[in-house]
Each structure stands twice: as C-alpha cells, then as structure tokens.
Amino acid sequence: IVTGEKFAMMMPKDSDKLEQANQILSDM
C-alpha cells in the first residue's frame, strides 16, 4: 500500500539538538 509516509527520527519538542542533528543528516 503506497501511503507516502515519511520516516524520520523523533526528538523531544523543540530539542536543542534538533537543528544540529538535522544539519548532520543533510551533510550525510
């Protein structure tokens, strides 16, 4: 069943590590 769902890492709301982790994913 094609749903278009997007898998990602979940983090605490507005985590202070969110932007850094997201930038590392972009770099990877």
mmCIF file of all heavy atoms, coordinates in Angstrom:
data_MODEL
# 
_entry.id   MODEL 
# 
loop_
_atom_site.group_PDB 
_atom_site.id 
_atom_site.type_symbol 
_atom_site.label_atom_id 
_atom_site.label_alt_id 
_atom_site.label_comp_id 
_atom_site.label_asym_id 
_atom_site.label_entity_id 
_atom_site.label_seq_id 
_atom_site.pdbx_PDB_ins_code 
_atom_site.Cartn_x 
_atom_site.Cartn_y 
_atom_site.Cartn_z 
_atom_site.occupancy 
_atom_site.B_iso_or_equiv 
_atom_site.pdbx_formal_charge 
_atom_site.auth_seq_id 
_atom_site.auth_comp_id 
_atom_site.auth_asym_id 
_atom_site.auth_atom_id 
_atom_site.pdbx_PDB_model_num 
ATOM 1   N N   . ILE A 1 1  ? 0.852  -1.188 0.000  1.00 0.00 ? 1  ILE A N   1 
ATOM 2   C CA  . ILE A 1 1  ? 0.000  0.000  0.000  1.00 0.00 ? 1  ILE A CA  1 
ATOM 3   C C   . ILE A 1 1  ? 0.890  1.240  0.000  1.00 0.00 ? 1  ILE A C   1 
ATOM 4   O O   . ILE A 1 1  ? 1.613  1.495  0.963  1.00 0.00 ? 1  ILE A O   1 
ATOM 5   C CB  . ILE A 1 1  ? -0.909 0.028  1.245  1.00 0.00 ? 1  ILE A CB  1 
ATOM 6   C CG1 . ILE A 1 1  ? -1.672 -1.289 1.396  1.00 0.00 ? 1  ILE A CG1 1 
ATOM 7   C CG2 . ILE A 1 1  ? -1.860 1.213  1.187  1.00 0.00 ? 1  ILE A CG2 1 
ATOM 8   C CD1 . ILE A 1 1  ? -2.308 -1.466 2.768  1.00 0.00 ? 1  ILE A CD1 1 
ATOM 9   N N   . VAL A 1 2  ? 0.860  2.007  -1.067 1.00 0.00 ? 2  VAL A N   1 
ATOM 10  C CA  . VAL A 1 2  ? 1.646  3.232  -1.151 1.00 0.00 ? 2  VAL A CA  1 
ATOM 11  C C   . VAL A 1 2  ? 0.937  4.321  -0.353 1.00 0.00 ? 2  VAL A C   1 
ATOM 12  O O   . VAL A 1 2  ? -0.215 4.666  -0.642 1.00 0.00 ? 2  VAL A O   1 
ATOM 13  C CB  . VAL A 1 2  ? 1.835  3.674  -2.614 1.00 0.00 ? 2  VAL A CB  1 
ATOM 14  C CG1 . VAL A 1 2  ? 2.604  4.980  -2.679 1.00 0.00 ? 2  VAL A CG1 1 
ATOM 15  C CG2 . VAL A 1 2  ? 2.557  2.586  -3.402 1.00 0.00 ? 2  VAL A CG2 1 
ATOM 16  N N   . THR A 1 3  ? 1.608  4.842  0.658  1.00 0.00 ? 3  THR A N   1 
ATOM 17  C CA  . THR A 1 3  ? 0.992  5.837  1.548  1.00 0.00 ? 3  THR A CA  1 
ATOM 18  C C   . THR A 1 3  ? 1.702  7.188  1.513  1.00 0.00 ? 3  THR A C   1 
ATOM 19  O O   . THR A 1 3  ? 1.130  8.196  1.923  1.00 0.00 ? 3  THR A O   1 
ATOM 20  C CB  . THR A 1 3  ? 1.009  5.340  2.996  1.00 0.00 ? 3  THR A CB  1 
ATOM 21  O OG1 . THR A 1 3  ? 2.372  5.125  3.400  1.00 0.00 ? 3  THR A OG1 1 
ATOM 22  C CG2 . THR A 1 3  ? 0.221  4.045  3.143  1.00 0.00 ? 3  THR A CG2 1 
ATOM 23  N N   . GLY A 1 4  ? 2.955  7.209  1.056  1.00 0.00 ? 4  GLY A N   1 
ATOM 24  C CA  . GLY A 1 4  ? 3.712  8.453  1.048  1.00 0.00 ? 4  GLY A CA  1 
ATOM 25  C C   . GLY A 1 4  ? 4.240  8.851  2.410  1.00 0.00 ? 4  GLY A C   1 
ATOM 26  O O   . GLY A 1 4  ? 4.716  9.977  2.598  1.00 0.00 ? 4  GLY A O   1 
ATOM 27  N N   . GLU A 1 5  ? 4.164  7.948  3.400  1.00 0.00 ? 5  GLU A N   1 
ATOM 28  C CA  . GLU A 1 5  ? 4.631  8.288  4.741  1.00 0.00 ? 5  GLU A CA  1 
ATOM 29  C C   . GLU A 1 5  ? 6.140  8.545  4.745  1.00 0.00 ? 5  GLU A C   1 
ATOM 30  O O   . GLU A 1 5  ? 6.887  7.969  3.950  1.00 0.00 ? 5  GLU A O   1 
ATOM 31  C CB  . GLU A 1 5  ? 4.276  7.185  5.737  1.00 0.00 ? 5  GLU A CB  1 
ATOM 32  C CG  . GLU A 1 5  ? 4.813  5.808  5.356  1.00 0.00 ? 5  GLU A CG  1 
ATOM 33  C CD  . GLU A 1 5  ? 4.328  4.721  6.292  1.00 0.00 ? 5  GLU A CD  1 
ATOM 34  O OE1 . GLU A 1 5  ? 4.502  4.874  7.514  1.00 0.00 ? 5  GLU A OE1 1 
ATOM 35  O OE2 . GLU A 1 5  ? 3.812  3.710  5.795  1.00 0.00 ? 5  GLU A OE2 1 
ATOM 36  N N   . LYS A 1 6  ? 6.557  9.412  5.645  1.00 0.00 ? 6  LYS A N   1 
ATOM 37  C CA  . LYS A 1 6  ? 7.954  9.829  5.720  1.00 0.00 ? 6  LYS A CA  1 
ATOM 38  C C   . LYS A 1 6  ? 8.561  9.357  7.032  1.00 0.00 ? 6  LYS A C   1 
ATOM 39  O O   . LYS A 1 6  ? 8.093  9.728  8.101  1.00 0.00 ? 6  LYS A O   1 
ATOM 40  C CB  . LYS A 1 6  ? 8.054  11.352 5.622  1.00 0.00 ? 6  LYS A CB  1 
ATOM 41  C CG  . LYS A 1 6  ? 7.395  11.949 4.389  1.00 0.00 ? 6  LYS A CG  1 
ATOM 42  C CD  . LYS A 1 6  ? 7.325  13.462 4.485  1.00 0.00 ? 6  LYS A CD  1 
ATOM 43  C CE  . LYS A 1 6  ? 6.583  14.066 3.301  1.00 0.00 ? 6  LYS A CE  1 
ATOM 44  N NZ  . LYS A 1 6  ? 6.435  15.537 3.436  1.00 0.00 ? 6  LYS A NZ  1 
ATOM 45  N N   . PHE A 1 7  ? 9.629  8.537  6.938  1.00 0.00 ? 7  PHE A N   1 
ATOM 46  C CA  . PHE A 1 7  ? 10.306 8.049  8.137  1.00 0.00 ? 7  PHE A CA  1 
ATOM 47  C C   . PHE A 1 7  ? 11.384 9.045  8.552  1.00 0.00 ? 7  PHE A C   1 
ATOM 48  O O   . PHE A 1 7  ? 12.167 9.525  7.728  1.00 0.00 ? 7  PHE A O   1 
ATOM 49  C CB  . PHE A 1 7  ? 10.966 6.704  7.876  1.00 0.00 ? 7  PHE A CB  1 
ATOM 50  C CG  . PHE A 1 7  ? 9.993  5.565  7.706  1.00 0.00 ? 7  PHE A CG  1 
ATOM 51  C CD1 . PHE A 1 7  ? 10.445 4.301  7.367  1.00 0.00 ? 7  PHE A CD1 1 
ATOM 52  C CD2 . PHE A 1 7  ? 8.633  5.739  7.884  1.00 0.00 ? 7  PHE A CD2 1 
ATOM 53  C CE1 . PHE A 1 7  ? 9.571  3.238  7.213  1.00 0.00 ? 7  PHE A CE1 1 
ATOM 54  C CE2 . PHE A 1 7  ? 7.735  4.688  7.723  1.00 0.00 ? 7  PHE A CE2 1 
ATOM 55  C CZ  . PHE A 1 7  ? 8.220  3.431  7.395  1.00 0.00 ? 7  PHE A CZ  1 
ATOM 56  N N   . ALA A 1 8  ? 11.439 9.331  9.858  1.00 0.00 ? 8  ALA A N   1 
ATOM 57  C CA  . ALA A 1 8  ? 12.426 10.272 10.387 1.00 0.00 ? 8  ALA A CA  1 
ATOM 58  C C   . ALA A 1 8  ? 12.725 9.929  11.835 1.00 0.00 ? 8  ALA A C   1 
ATOM 59  O O   . ALA A 1 8  ? 12.098 9.033  12.421 1.00 0.00 ? 8  ALA A O   1 
ATOM 60  C CB  . ALA A 1 8  ? 11.898 11.705 10.282 1.00 0.00 ? 8  ALA A CB  1 
ATOM 61  N N   . MET A 1 9  ? 13.678 10.638 12.421 1.00 0.00 ? 9  MET A N   1 
ATOM 62  C CA  . MET A 1 9  ? 13.974 10.478 13.844 1.00 0.00 ? 9  MET A CA  1 
ATOM 63  C C   . MET A 1 9  ? 13.109 11.426 14.650 1.00 0.00 ? 9  MET A C   1 
ATOM 64  O O   . MET A 1 9  ? 12.963 12.593 14.295 1.00 0.00 ? 9  MET A O   1 
ATOM 65  C CB  . MET A 1 9  ? 15.449 10.766 14.120 1.00 0.00 ? 9  MET A CB  1 
ATOM 66  C CG  . MET A 1 9  ? 16.370 9.723  13.544 1.00 0.00 ? 9  MET A CG  1 
ATOM 67  S SD  . MET A 1 9  ? 18.082 10.033 13.964 1.00 0.00 ? 9  MET A SD  1 
ATOM 68  C CE  . MET A 1 9  ? 18.848 8.720  13.011 1.00 0.00 ? 9  MET A CE  1 
ATOM 69  N N   . MET A 1 10 ? 12.555 10.912 15.737 1.00 0.00 ? 10 MET A N   1 
ATOM 70  C CA  . MET A 1 10 ? 11.725 11.727 16.624 1.00 0.00 ? 10 MET A CA  1 
ATOM 71  C C   . MET A 1 10 ? 12.580 12.245 17.772 1.00 0.00 ? 10 MET A C   1 
ATOM 72  O O   . MET A 1 10 ? 13.451 11.525 18.288 1.00 0.00 ? 10 MET A O   1 
ATOM 73  C CB  . MET A 1 10 ? 10.566 10.894 17.152 1.00 0.00 ? 10 MET A CB  1 
ATOM 74  C CG  . MET A 1 10 ? 9.555  11.650 17.973 1.00 0.00 ? 10 MET A CG  1 
ATOM 75  S SD  . MET A 1 10 ? 8.067  10.643 18.291 1.00 0.00 ? 10 MET A SD  1 
ATOM 76  C CE  . MET A 1 10 ? 8.739  9.399  19.406 1.00 0.00 ? 10 MET A CE  1 
ATOM 77  N N   . MET A 1 11 ? 12.323 13.479 18.180 1.00 0.00 ? 11 MET A N   1 
ATOM 78  C CA  . MET A 1 11 ? 13.068 14.103 19.267 1.00 0.00 ? 11 MET A CA  1 
ATOM 79  C C   . MET A 1 11 ? 12.104 14.863 20.167 1.00 0.00 ? 11 MET A C   1 
ATOM 80  O O   . MET A 1 11 ? 10.978 15.188 19.762 1.00 0.00 ? 11 MET A O   1 
ATOM 81  C CB  . MET A 1 11 ? 14.144 15.039 18.706 1.00 0.00 ? 11 MET A CB  1 
ATOM 82  C CG  . MET A 1 11 ? 15.127 14.348 17.764 1.00 0.00 ? 11 MET A CG  1 
ATOM 83  S SD  . MET A 1 11 ? 16.383 15.447 17.043 1.00 0.00 ? 11 MET A SD  1 
ATOM 84  C CE  . MET A 1 11 ? 17.410 15.750 18.490 1.00 0.00 ? 11 MET A CE  1 
ATOM 85  N N   . PRO A 1 12 ? 12.514 15.168 21.410 1.00 0.00 ? 12 PRO A N   1 
ATOM 86  C CA  . PRO A 1 12 ? 11.646 15.979 22.269 1.00 0.00 ? 12 PRO A CA  1 
ATOM 87  C C   . PRO A 1 12 ? 11.281 17.292 21.591 1.00 0.00 ? 12 PRO A C   1 
ATOM 88  O O   . PRO A 1 12 ? 12.071 17.845 20.819 1.00 0.00 ? 12 PRO A O   1 
ATOM 89  C CB  . PRO A 1 12 ? 12.520 16.212 23.507 1.00 0.00 ? 12 PRO A CB  1 
ATOM 90  C CG  . PRO A 1 12 ? 13.440 15.031 23.543 1.00 0.00 ? 12 PRO A CG  1 
ATOM 91  C CD  . PRO A 1 12 ? 13.747 14.725 22.105 1.00 0.00 ? 12 PRO A CD  1 
ATOM 92  N N   . LYS A 1 13 ? 10.100 17.787 21.867 1.00 0.00 ? 13 LYS A N   1 
ATOM 93  C CA  . LYS A 1 13 ? 9.609  19.002 21.225 1.00 0.00 ? 13 LYS A CA  1 
ATOM 94  C C   . LYS A 1 13 ? 10.611 20.139 21.380 1.00 0.00 ? 13 LYS A C   1 
ATOM 95  O O   . LYS A 1 13 ? 11.045 20.468 22.483 1.00 0.00 ? 13 LYS A O   1 
ATOM 96  C CB  . LYS A 1 13 ? 8.264  19.391 21.851 1.00 0.00 ? 13 LYS A CB  1 
ATOM 97  C CG  . LYS A 1 13 ? 7.556  20.541 21.149 1.00 0.00 ? 13 LYS A CG  1 
ATOM 98  C CD  . LYS A 1 13 ? 7.050  20.128 19.788 1.00 0.00 ? 13 LYS A CD  1 
ATOM 99  C CE  . LYS A 1 13 ? 6.206  21.231 19.151 1.00 0.00 ? 13 LYS A CE  1 
ATOM 100 N NZ  . LYS A 1 13 ? 5.743  20.862 17.794 1.00 0.00 ? 13 LYS A NZ  1 
ATOM 101 N N   . ASP A 1 14 ? 10.993 20.735 20.223 1.00 0.00 ? 14 ASP A N   1 
ATOM 102 C CA  . ASP A 1 14 ? 11.918 21.875 20.186 1.00 0.00 ? 14 ASP A CA  1 
ATOM 103 C C   . ASP A 1 14 ? 13.245 21.567 20.875 1.00 0.00 ? 14 ASP A C   1 
ATOM 104 O O   . ASP A 1 14 ? 13.839 22.422 21.560 1.00 0.00 ? 14 ASP A O   1 
ATOM 105 C CB  . ASP A 1 14 ? 11.277 23.116 20.813 1.00 0.00 ? 14 ASP A CB  1 
ATOM 106 C CG  . ASP A 1 14 ? 9.995  23.520 20.102 1.00 0.00 ? 14 ASP A CG  1 
ATOM 107 O OD1 . ASP A 1 14 ? 9.943  23.397 18.859 1.00 0.00 ? 14 ASP A OD1 1 
ATOM 108 O OD2 . ASP A 1 14 ? 9.045  23.958 20.785 1.00 0.00 ? 14 ASP A OD2 1 
ATOM 109 N N   . SER A 1 15 ? 13.741 20.351 20.717 1.00 0.00 ? 15 SER A N   1 
ATOM 110 C CA  . SER A 1 15 ? 15.018 19.936 21.301 1.00 0.00 ? 15 SER A CA  1 
ATOM 111 C C   . SER A 1 15 ? 16.151 20.866 20.879 1.00 0.00 ? 15 SER A C   1 
ATOM 112 O O   . SER A 1 15 ? 16.208 21.320 19.729 1.00 0.00 ? 15 SER A O   1 
ATOM 113 C CB  . SER A 1 15 ? 15.347 18.515 20.856 1.00 0.00 ? 15 SER A CB  1 
ATOM 114 O OG  . SER A 1 15 ? 16.695 18.189 21.122 1.00 0.00 ? 15 SER A OG  1 
ATOM 115 N N   . ASP A 1 16 ? 17.089 21.122 21.799 1.00 0.00 ? 16 ASP A N   1 
ATOM 116 C CA  . ASP A 1 16 ? 18.233 21.969 21.456 1.00 0.00 ? 16 ASP A CA  1 
ATOM 117 C C   . ASP A 1 16 ? 19.234 21.247 20.565 1.00 0.00 ? 16 ASP A C   1 
ATOM 118 O O   . ASP A 1 16 ? 20.196 21.841 20.095 1.00 0.00 ? 16 ASP A O   1 
ATOM 119 C CB  . ASP A 1 16 ? 18.921 22.486 22.727 1.00 0.00 ? 16 ASP A CB  1 
ATOM 120 C CG  . ASP A 1 16 ? 19.431 21.373 23.646 1.00 0.00 ? 16 ASP A CG  1 
ATOM 121 O OD1 . ASP A 1 16 ? 19.287 20.184 23.288 1.00 0.00 ? 16 ASP A OD1 1 
ATOM 122 O OD2 . ASP A 1 16 ? 19.973 21.694 24.723 1.00 0.00 ? 16 ASP A OD2 1 
ATOM 123 N N   . LYS A 1 17 ? 18.996 19.955 20.323 1.00 0.00 ? 17 LYS A N   1 
ATOM 124 C CA  . LYS A 1 17 ? 19.860 19.171 19.434 1.00 0.00 ? 17 LYS A CA  1 
ATOM 125 C C   . LYS A 1 17 ? 19.245 18.992 18.050 1.00 0.00 ? 17 LYS A C   1 
ATOM 126 O O   . LYS A 1 17 ? 19.870 18.416 17.154 1.00 0.00 ? 17 LYS A O   1 
ATOM 127 C CB  . LYS A 1 17 ? 20.149 17.799 20.043 1.00 0.00 ? 17 LYS A CB  1 
ATOM 128 C CG  . LYS A 1 17 ? 20.934 17.832 21.356 1.00 0.00 ? 17 LYS A CG  1 
ATOM 129 C CD  . LYS A 1 17 ? 21.144 16.425 21.892 1.00 0.00 ? 17 LYS A CD  1 
ATOM 130 C CE  . LYS A 1 17 ? 22.024 16.416 23.123 1.00 0.00 ? 17 LYS A CE  1 
ATOM 131 N NZ  . LYS A 1 17 ? 21.424 17.139 24.251 1.00 0.00 ? 17 LYS A NZ  1 
ATOM 132 N N   . LEU A 1 18 ? 18.021 19.475 17.859 1.00 0.00 ? 18 LEU A N   1 
ATOM 133 C CA  . LEU A 1 18 ? 17.285 19.207 16.625 1.00 0.00 ? 18 LEU A CA  1 
ATOM 134 C C   . LEU A 1 18 ? 17.969 19.791 15.394 1.00 0.00 ? 18 LEU A C   1 
ATOM 135 O O   . LEU A 1 18 ? 18.180 19.084 14.397 1.00 0.00 ? 18 LEU A O   1 
ATOM 136 C CB  . LEU A 1 18 ? 15.864 19.755 16.741 1.00 0.00 ? 18 LEU A CB  1 
ATOM 137 C CG  . LEU A 1 18 ? 14.966 19.620 15.504 1.00 0.00 ? 18 LEU A CG  1 
ATOM 138 C CD1 . LEU A 1 18 ? 14.793 18.162 15.111 1.00 0.00 ? 18 LEU A CD1 1 
ATOM 139 C CD2 . LEU A 1 18 ? 13.599 20.275 15.756 1.00 0.00 ? 18 LEU A CD2 1 
ATOM 140 N N   . GLU A 1 19 ? 18.316 21.065 15.419 1.00 0.00 ? 19 GLU A N   1 
ATOM 141 C CA  . GLU A 1 19 ? 18.904 21.702 14.249 1.00 0.00 ? 19 GLU A CA  1 
ATOM 142 C C   . GLU A 1 19 ? 20.256 21.092 13.896 1.00 0.00 ? 19 GLU A C   1 
ATOM 143 O O   . GLU A 1 19 ? 20.573 20.895 12.719 1.00 0.00 ? 19 GLU A O   1 
ATOM 144 C CB  . GLU A 1 19 ? 19.048 23.207 14.479 1.00 0.00 ? 19 GLU A CB  1 
ATOM 145 C CG  . GLU A 1 19 ? 17.726 23.970 14.520 1.00 0.00 ? 19 GLU A CG  1 
ATOM 146 C CD  . GLU A 1 19 ? 17.017 23.992 13.176 1.00 0.00 ? 19 GLU A CD  1 
ATOM 147 O OE1 . GLU A 1 19 ? 17.657 23.689 12.142 1.00 0.00 ? 19 GLU A OE1 1 
ATOM 148 O OE2 . GLU A 1 19 ? 15.807 24.311 13.154 1.00 0.00 ? 19 GLU A OE2 1 
ATOM 149 N N   . GLN A 1 20 ? 21.061 20.771 14.913 1.00 0.00 ? 20 GLN A N   1 
ATOM 150 C CA  . GLN A 1 20 ? 22.366 20.164 14.652 1.00 0.00 ? 20 GLN A CA  1 
ATOM 151 C C   . GLN A 1 20 ? 22.202 18.782 14.033 1.00 0.00 ? 20 GLN A C   1 
ATOM 152 O O   . GLN A 1 20 ? 22.878 18.448 13.056 1.00 0.00 ? 20 GLN A O   1 
ATOM 153 C CB  . GLN A 1 20 ? 23.176 20.062 15.942 1.00 0.00 ? 20 GLN A CB  1 
ATOM 154 C CG  . GLN A 1 20 ? 24.590 19.510 15.725 1.00 0.00 ? 20 GLN A CG  1 
ATOM 155 C CD  . GLN A 1 20 ? 25.369 19.345 17.021 1.00 0.00 ? 20 GLN A CD  1 
ATOM 156 O OE1 . GLN A 1 20 ? 24.812 19.458 18.112 1.00 0.00 ? 20 GLN A OE1 1 
ATOM 157 N NE2 . GLN A 1 20 ? 26.655 19.077 16.907 1.00 0.00 ? 20 GLN A NE2 1 
ATOM 158 N N   . ALA A 1 21 ? 21.295 17.977 14.603 1.00 0.00 ? 21 ALA A N   1 
ATOM 159 C CA  . ALA A 1 21 ? 21.068 16.642 14.046 1.00 0.00 ? 21 ALA A CA  1 
ATOM 160 C C   . ALA A 1 21 ? 20.549 16.728 12.618 1.00 0.00 ? 21 ALA A C   1 
ATOM 161 O O   . ALA A 1 21 ? 20.956 15.946 11.746 1.00 0.00 ? 21 ALA A O   1 
ATOM 162 C CB  . ALA A 1 21 ? 20.073 15.885 14.919 1.00 0.00 ? 21 ALA A CB  1 
ATOM 163 N N   . ASN A 1 22 ? 19.662 17.685 12.360 1.00 0.00 ? 22 ASN A N   1 
ATOM 164 C CA  . ASN A 1 22 ? 19.104 17.825 11.013 1.00 0.00 ? 22 ASN A CA  1 
ATOM 165 C C   . ASN A 1 22 ? 20.173 18.243 10.011 1.00 0.00 ? 22 ASN A C   1 
ATOM 166 O O   . ASN A 1 22 ? 20.195 17.766 8.871  1.00 0.00 ? 22 ASN A O   1 
ATOM 167 C CB  . ASN A 1 22 ? 17.965 18.839 11.021 1.00 0.00 ? 22 ASN A CB  1 
ATOM 168 C CG  . ASN A 1 22 ? 17.063 18.689 9.822  1.00 0.00 ? 22 ASN A CG  1 
ATOM 169 O OD1 . ASN A 1 22 ? 16.289 17.745 9.735  1.00 0.00 ? 22 ASN A OD1 1 
ATOM 170 N ND2 . ASN A 1 22 ? 17.162 19.616 8.869  1.00 0.00 ? 22 ASN A ND2 1 
ATOM 171 N N   . GLN A 1 23 ? 21.079 19.140 10.429 1.00 0.00 ? 23 GLN A N   1 
ATOM 172 C CA  . GLN A 1 23 ? 22.163 19.558 9.529  1.00 0.00 ? 23 GLN A CA  1 
ATOM 173 C C   . GLN A 1 23 ? 23.102 18.403 9.227  1.00 0.00 ? 23 GLN A C   1 
ATOM 174 O O   . GLN A 1 23 ? 23.567 18.244 8.095  1.00 0.00 ? 23 GLN A O   1 
ATOM 175 C CB  . GLN A 1 23 ? 22.948 20.721 10.150 1.00 0.00 ? 23 GLN A CB  1 
ATOM 176 C CG  . GLN A 1 23 ? 24.065 21.259 9.253  1.00 0.00 ? 23 GLN A CG  1 
ATOM 177 C CD  . GLN A 1 23 ? 23.556 21.726 7.903  1.00 0.00 ? 23 GLN A CD  1 
ATOM 178 O OE1 . GLN A 1 23 ? 22.629 22.539 7.836  1.00 0.00 ? 23 GLN A OE1 1 
ATOM 179 N NE2 . GLN A 1 23 ? 24.131 21.212 6.823  1.00 0.00 ? 23 GLN A NE2 1 
ATOM 180 N N   . ILE A 1 24 ? 23.365 17.577 10.231 1.00 0.00 ? 24 ILE A N   1 
ATOM 181 C CA  . ILE A 1 24 ? 24.221 16.407 10.008 1.00 0.00 ? 24 ILE A CA  1 
ATOM 182 C C   . ILE A 1 24 ? 23.565 15.453 9.011  1.00 0.00 ? 24 ILE A C   1 
ATOM 183 O O   . ILE A 1 24 ? 24.236 14.893 8.132  1.00 0.00 ? 24 ILE A O   1 
ATOM 184 C CB  . ILE A 1 24 ? 24.516 15.695 11.344 1.00 0.00 ? 24 ILE A CB  1 
ATOM 185 C CG1 . ILE A 1 24 ? 25.435 16.567 12.204 1.00 0.00 ? 24 ILE A CG1 1 
ATOM 186 C CG2 . ILE A 1 24 ? 25.168 14.331 11.100 1.00 0.00 ? 24 ILE A CG2 1 
ATOM 187 C CD1 . ILE A 1 24 ? 25.639 16.040 13.616 1.00 0.00 ? 24 ILE A CD1 1 
ATOM 188 N N   . LEU A 1 25 ? 22.252 15.265 9.120  1.00 0.00 ? 25 LEU A N   1 
ATOM 189 C CA  . LEU A 1 25 ? 21.545 14.421 8.149  1.00 0.00 ? 25 LEU A CA  1 
ATOM 190 C C   . LEU A 1 25 ? 21.680 14.993 6.737  1.00 0.00 ? 25 LEU A C   1 
ATOM 191 O O   . LEU A 1 25 ? 21.900 14.239 5.771  1.00 0.00 ? 25 LEU A O   1 
ATOM 192 C CB  . LEU A 1 25 ? 20.069 14.301 8.522  1.00 0.00 ? 25 LEU A CB  1 
ATOM 193 C CG  . LEU A 1 25 ? 19.741 13.374 9.692  1.00 0.00 ? 25 LEU A CG  1 
ATOM 194 C CD1 . LEU A 1 25 ? 18.280 13.515 10.091 1.00 0.00 ? 25 LEU A CD1 1 
ATOM 195 C CD2 . LEU A 1 25 ? 20.045 11.919 9.344  1.00 0.00 ? 25 LEU A CD2 1 
ATOM 196 N N   . SER A 1 26 ? 21.566 16.307 6.607  1.00 0.00 ? 26 SER A N   1 
ATOM 197 C CA  . SER A 1 26 ? 21.751 16.946 5.290  1.00 0.00 ? 26 SER A CA  1 
ATOM 198 C C   . SER A 1 26 ? 23.156 16.693 4.767  1.00 0.00 ? 26 SER A C   1 
ATOM 199 O O   . SER A 1 26 ? 23.350 16.377 3.584  1.00 0.00 ? 26 SER A O   1 
ATOM 200 C CB  . SER A 1 26 ? 21.494 18.454 5.388  1.00 0.00 ? 26 SER A CB  1 
ATOM 201 O OG  . SER A 1 26 ? 20.129 18.730 5.580  1.00 0.00 ? 26 SER A OG  1 
ATOM 202 N N   . ASP A 1 27 ? 24.149 16.822 5.646  1.00 0.00 ? 27 ASP A N   1 
ATOM 203 C CA  . ASP A 1 27 ? 25.538 16.581 5.247  1.00 0.00 ? 27 ASP A CA  1 
ATOM 204 C C   . ASP A 1 27 ? 25.733 15.131 4.820  1.00 0.00 ? 27 ASP A C   1 
ATOM 205 O O   . ASP A 1 27 ? 26.438 14.854 3.836  1.00 0.00 ? 27 ASP A O   1 
ATOM 206 C CB  . ASP A 1 27 ? 26.486 16.912 6.405  1.00 0.00 ? 27 ASP A CB  1 
ATOM 207 C CG  . ASP A 1 27 ? 26.488 18.391 6.770  1.00 0.00 ? 27 ASP A CG  1 
ATOM 208 O OD1 . ASP A 1 27 ? 26.050 19.212 5.935  1.00 0.00 ? 27 ASP A OD1 1 
ATOM 209 O OD2 . ASP A 1 27 ? 26.924 18.725 7.892  1.00 0.00 ? 27 ASP A OD2 1 
ATOM 210 N N   . MET A 1 28 ? 25.122 14.191 5.545  1.00 0.00 ? 28 MET A N   1 
ATOM 211 C CA  . MET A 1 28 ? 25.233 12.772 5.206  1.00 0.00 ? 28 MET A CA  1 
ATOM 212 C C   . MET A 1 28 ? 24.597 12.469 3.856  1.00 0.00 ? 28 MET A C   1 
ATOM 213 O O   . MET A 1 28 ? 25.082 11.614 3.102  1.00 0.00 ? 28 MET A O   1 
ATOM 214 C CB  . MET A 1 28 ? 24.586 11.923 6.297  1.00 0.00 ? 28 MET A CB  1 
ATOM 215 C CG  . MET A 1 28 ? 25.344 11.916 7.619  1.00 0.00 ? 28 MET A CG  1 
ATOM 216 S SD  . MET A 1 28 ? 24.416 11.102 8.961  1.00 0.00 ? 28 MET A SD  1 
ATOM 217 C CE  . MET A 1 28 ? 24.321 9.418  8.340  1.00 0.00 ? 28 MET A CE  1 
# 
